[in-house]
Amino acid sequence: MLFYFLIKSRSFNMIITNSNIYRINIPGFRTFSSFGMLTIFFCISLYFCFFSFLAFQNMVGNSNFFDISFYPQGLAMGFYSIYCFFLSLELLLKLIYDIGAGFNEFDKEKKIIRIFRWGFPGNVRRVESYIPFMFVDCIKIKIDSENILYLSVFDGFILPITPTGFFDSFDSLEQYAIYLAQLIGVPLVYI
């Protein structure tokens, strides 16, 4: 039987399953800032579409409401409108499919790290990676404003295991990194 204990911190949720499996949930693209960007780009596309239409009406001679005397300006605004519309459509699809959401799972019994993320629909919708503990060289912390935690695997391959801004402070990042380094049995490196 599996027992789930939820340990809440300010910046991440860690679920301990059977005291041998540690799972850290990673948020995806469904955030308030992503929704705000979607709204802004869609409004910009409507704005450019409206003024492109008014420039066309002025060129035909049906309206004197908007004075764009230069025809390519209205055409350029139409292209900007199409570009912003497709950009907002991409952001909408990322919100619907929650791109980047997933979890990091550390199994002490099997000595395996499982990294799982959701992608776009298709053959690679489920992005999974299994890494044995013995292939991990070290845990790296990037000392920067981004607060990102990396997993350094053999042959110098560096794999980010937390997104930018996942931790509120450097102290919580460092506490989590120390815990993972002790769990896996590897050194902690600051870069």
Protein backbone atom coordinates (compact mmCIF):
# COMPACT_ATOMS: atom_id res chain seq x y z
CA MET A 1 0.00 0.00 0.00
CA LEU A 2 1.27 3.45 -0.88
CA PHE A 3 1.18 6.23 1.66
CA TYR A 4 1.40 9.77 0.38
CA PHE A 5 2.73 12.49 2.58
CA LEU A 6 2.76 15.97 1.17
CA ILE A 7 5.53 18.18 2.44
CA LYS A 8 4.76 21.75 1.50
CA SER A 9 7.35 24.43 1.11
CA ARG A 10 7.01 27.90 -0.27
CA SER A 11 8.44 26.93 -3.61
CA PHE A 12 7.83 23.26 -4.35
CA ASN A 13 5.76 20.23 -3.41
CA MET A 14 7.55 17.02 -2.56
CA ILE A 15 5.54 13.83 -2.34
CA ILE A 16 7.14 10.99 -0.42
CA THR A 17 5.84 7.60 -1.54
CA ASN A 18 6.73 4.61 0.66
CA SER A 19 9.77 6.50 2.01
CA ASN A 20 11.77 5.12 -0.95
CA ILE A 21 10.43 7.26 -3.80
CA TYR A 22 10.64 11.05 -3.72
CA ARG A 23 8.61 12.88 -6.35
CA ILE A 24 8.84 16.62 -7.00
CA ASN A 25 6.10 18.13 -9.15
CA ILE A 26 7.24 20.62 -11.78
CA PRO A 27 4.73 23.23 -12.97
CA GLY A 28 4.22 23.62 -16.69
CA PHE A 29 3.14 26.48 -18.92
CA ARG A 30 -0.19 27.06 -17.12
CA THR A 31 0.73 30.12 -15.14
CA PHE A 32 -0.83 33.52 -14.71
CA SER A 33 1.98 35.22 -16.62
CA SER A 34 1.50 32.86 -19.60
CA PHE A 35 -2.21 33.63 -19.69
CA GLY A 36 -1.38 37.35 -19.52
CA MET A 37 1.02 37.06 -22.46
CA LEU A 38 -1.63 35.20 -24.44
CA THR A 39 -4.16 37.95 -23.77
CA ILE A 40 -1.72 40.73 -24.66
CA PHE A 41 -0.65 39.14 -27.96
CA PHE A 42 -4.24 38.44 -28.96
CA CYS A 43 -5.28 42.04 -28.22
CA ILE A 44 -2.29 43.32 -30.22
CA SER A 45 -3.31 41.14 -33.17
CA LEU A 46 -6.85 42.55 -33.03
CA TYR A 47 -5.46 46.09 -32.82
CA PHE A 48 -3.24 45.65 -35.88
CA CYS A 49 -6.03 43.90 -37.77
CA PHE A 50 -8.42 46.77 -37.05
CA PHE A 51 -6.00 49.47 -38.20
CA SER A 52 -4.98 47.45 -41.25
CA PHE A 53 -8.65 47.22 -42.20
CA LEU A 54 -9.07 50.97 -41.68
CA ALA A 55 -6.03 51.64 -43.88
CA PHE A 56 -7.58 49.47 -46.60
CA GLN A 57 -10.90 51.34 -46.28
CA ASN A 58 -9.05 54.65 -46.56
CA MET A 59 -7.21 53.43 -49.68
CA VAL A 60 -10.47 52.40 -51.37
CA GLY A 61 -11.99 55.76 -50.45
CA ASN A 62 -14.83 54.53 -48.27
CA SER A 63 -13.63 56.13 -45.07
CA ASN A 64 -11.64 59.12 -43.88
CA PHE A 65 -11.63 57.97 -40.27
CA PHE A 66 -8.00 56.94 -40.21
CA ASP A 67 -5.31 58.75 -42.14
CA ILE A 68 -2.63 56.37 -43.37
CA SER A 69 -1.60 57.83 -46.66
CA PHE A 70 1.13 55.29 -47.28
CA TYR A 71 -0.29 51.96 -48.48
CA PRO A 72 2.56 49.64 -47.26
CA GLN A 73 1.96 50.78 -43.66
CA GLY A 74 -1.47 49.18 -43.69
CA LEU A 75 -0.07 46.09 -45.35
CA ALA A 76 2.68 45.83 -42.72
CA MET A 77 0.08 46.18 -39.97
CA GLY A 78 -1.85 43.31 -41.56
CA PHE A 79 1.26 41.11 -41.48
CA TYR A 80 1.88 42.09 -37.84
CA SER A 81 -1.71 41.14 -37.11
CA ILE A 82 -1.29 37.69 -38.66
CA TYR A 83 2.02 37.16 -36.84
CA CYS A 84 0.59 38.12 -33.44
CA PHE A 85 -2.48 35.96 -34.04
CA PHE A 86 -0.36 32.87 -34.75
CA LEU A 87 1.86 33.66 -31.78
CA SER A 88 -1.19 33.87 -29.51
CA LEU A 89 -2.46 30.60 -31.05
CA GLU A 90 0.84 28.92 -30.14
CA LEU A 91 0.61 30.25 -26.58
CA LEU A 92 -2.98 28.99 -26.36
CA LEU A 93 -1.90 25.48 -27.44
CA LYS A 94 0.91 25.55 -24.87
CA LEU A 95 -1.64 26.48 -22.20
CA ILE A 96 -4.09 23.77 -23.27
CA TYR A 97 -1.47 21.00 -23.38
CA ASP A 98 0.42 22.33 -20.31
CA ILE A 99 3.81 22.03 -21.99
CA GLY A 100 6.70 21.40 -19.60
CA ALA A 101 4.65 20.07 -16.69
CA GLY A 102 5.85 16.89 -15.09
CA PHE A 103 7.87 15.59 -12.18
CA ASN A 104 11.27 14.46 -11.01
CA GLU A 105 11.24 11.10 -9.23
CA PHE A 106 14.11 9.73 -7.17
CA ASP A 107 13.85 6.02 -6.29
CA LYS A 108 16.23 5.05 -3.48
CA GLU A 109 15.44 1.34 -3.72
CA LYS A 110 16.08 0.94 -7.47
CA LYS A 111 18.63 3.79 -7.51
CA ILE A 112 17.04 5.42 -10.53
CA ILE A 113 16.13 9.03 -11.33
CA ARG A 114 13.04 9.44 -13.51
CA ILE A 115 12.50 12.79 -15.19
CA PHE A 116 9.10 13.19 -16.86
CA ARG A 117 7.71 16.16 -18.83
CA TRP A 118 4.71 16.72 -21.11
CA GLY A 119 5.34 17.94 -24.67
CA PHE A 120 3.24 18.74 -27.73
CA PRO A 121 0.94 15.98 -29.04
CA GLY A 122 2.52 13.44 -31.30
CA ASN A 123 5.14 10.76 -30.96
CA VAL A 124 7.04 12.64 -28.26
CA ARG A 125 4.12 13.83 -26.11
CA ARG A 126 5.58 12.01 -23.10
CA VAL A 127 9.23 12.92 -22.55
CA GLU A 128 10.77 10.50 -20.06
CA SER A 129 14.32 9.94 -19.00
CA TYR A 130 15.64 7.24 -16.65
CA ILE A 131 19.08 7.87 -15.17
CA PRO A 132 20.76 5.42 -12.75
CA PHE A 133 22.39 6.97 -9.68
CA MET A 134 25.81 5.64 -10.73
CA PHE A 135 25.75 7.74 -13.93
CA VAL A 136 25.29 11.02 -12.02
CA ASP A 137 28.55 12.92 -11.52
CA CYS A 138 27.26 15.79 -9.39
CA ILE A 139 24.41 18.20 -8.67
CA LYS A 140 25.11 21.72 -9.94
CA ILE A 141 23.58 24.96 -8.71
CA LYS A 142 23.73 27.96 -11.00
CA ILE A 143 24.46 31.01 -8.87
CA ASP A 144 22.50 33.58 -10.81
CA SER A 145 19.16 35.34 -10.75
CA GLU A 146 17.61 32.30 -12.48
CA ASN A 147 18.04 29.82 -9.56
CA ILE A 148 18.26 26.64 -11.65
CA LEU A 149 19.33 23.20 -10.48
CA TYR A 150 21.25 20.94 -12.88
CA LEU A 151 22.05 17.25 -12.89
CA SER A 152 25.51 16.53 -14.31
CA VAL A 153 25.56 13.12 -15.95
CA PHE A 154 28.51 11.17 -17.37
CA ASP A 155 30.40 12.59 -20.37
CA GLY A 156 29.72 16.15 -19.17
CA PHE A 157 26.04 16.20 -20.14
CA ILE A 158 24.19 18.76 -17.99
CA LEU A 159 20.44 18.29 -17.56
CA PRO A 160 18.29 21.04 -15.95
CA ILE A 161 15.88 19.48 -13.45
CA THR A 162 14.09 22.64 -12.29
CA PRO A 163 12.71 25.46 -14.45
CA THR A 164 13.70 29.09 -14.13
CA GLY A 165 12.05 30.74 -11.15
CA PHE A 166 11.01 27.43 -9.57
CA PHE A 167 12.53 28.44 -6.24
CA ASP A 168 11.64 31.69 -4.53
CA SER A 169 14.99 32.13 -2.86
CA PHE A 170 18.50 30.82 -3.15
CA ASP A 171 18.22 29.31 0.35
CA SER A 172 15.38 26.99 -0.65
CA LEU A 173 17.27 25.99 -3.82
CA GLU A 174 20.39 25.21 -1.81
CA GLN A 175 18.42 23.25 0.80
CA TYR A 176 16.81 21.13 -1.93
CA ALA A 177 20.14 20.60 -3.72
CA ILE A 178 21.84 19.47 -0.52
CA TYR A 179 19.01 17.03 0.10
CA LEU A 180 19.29 15.58 -3.43
CA ALA A 181 23.09 15.34 -3.23
CA GLN A 182 22.82 13.39 0.02
CA LEU A 183 20.08 11.17 -1.42
CA ILE A 184 22.04 10.29 -4.56
CA GLY A 185 25.46 10.33 -2.87
CA VAL A 186 27.17 12.82 -5.17
CA PRO A 187 28.96 16.13 -4.54
CA LEU A 188 27.28 19.51 -4.82
CA VAL A 189 28.97 22.00 -7.20
CA TYR A 190 28.30 25.74 -7.50
CA ILE A 191 28.62 27.23 -11.00
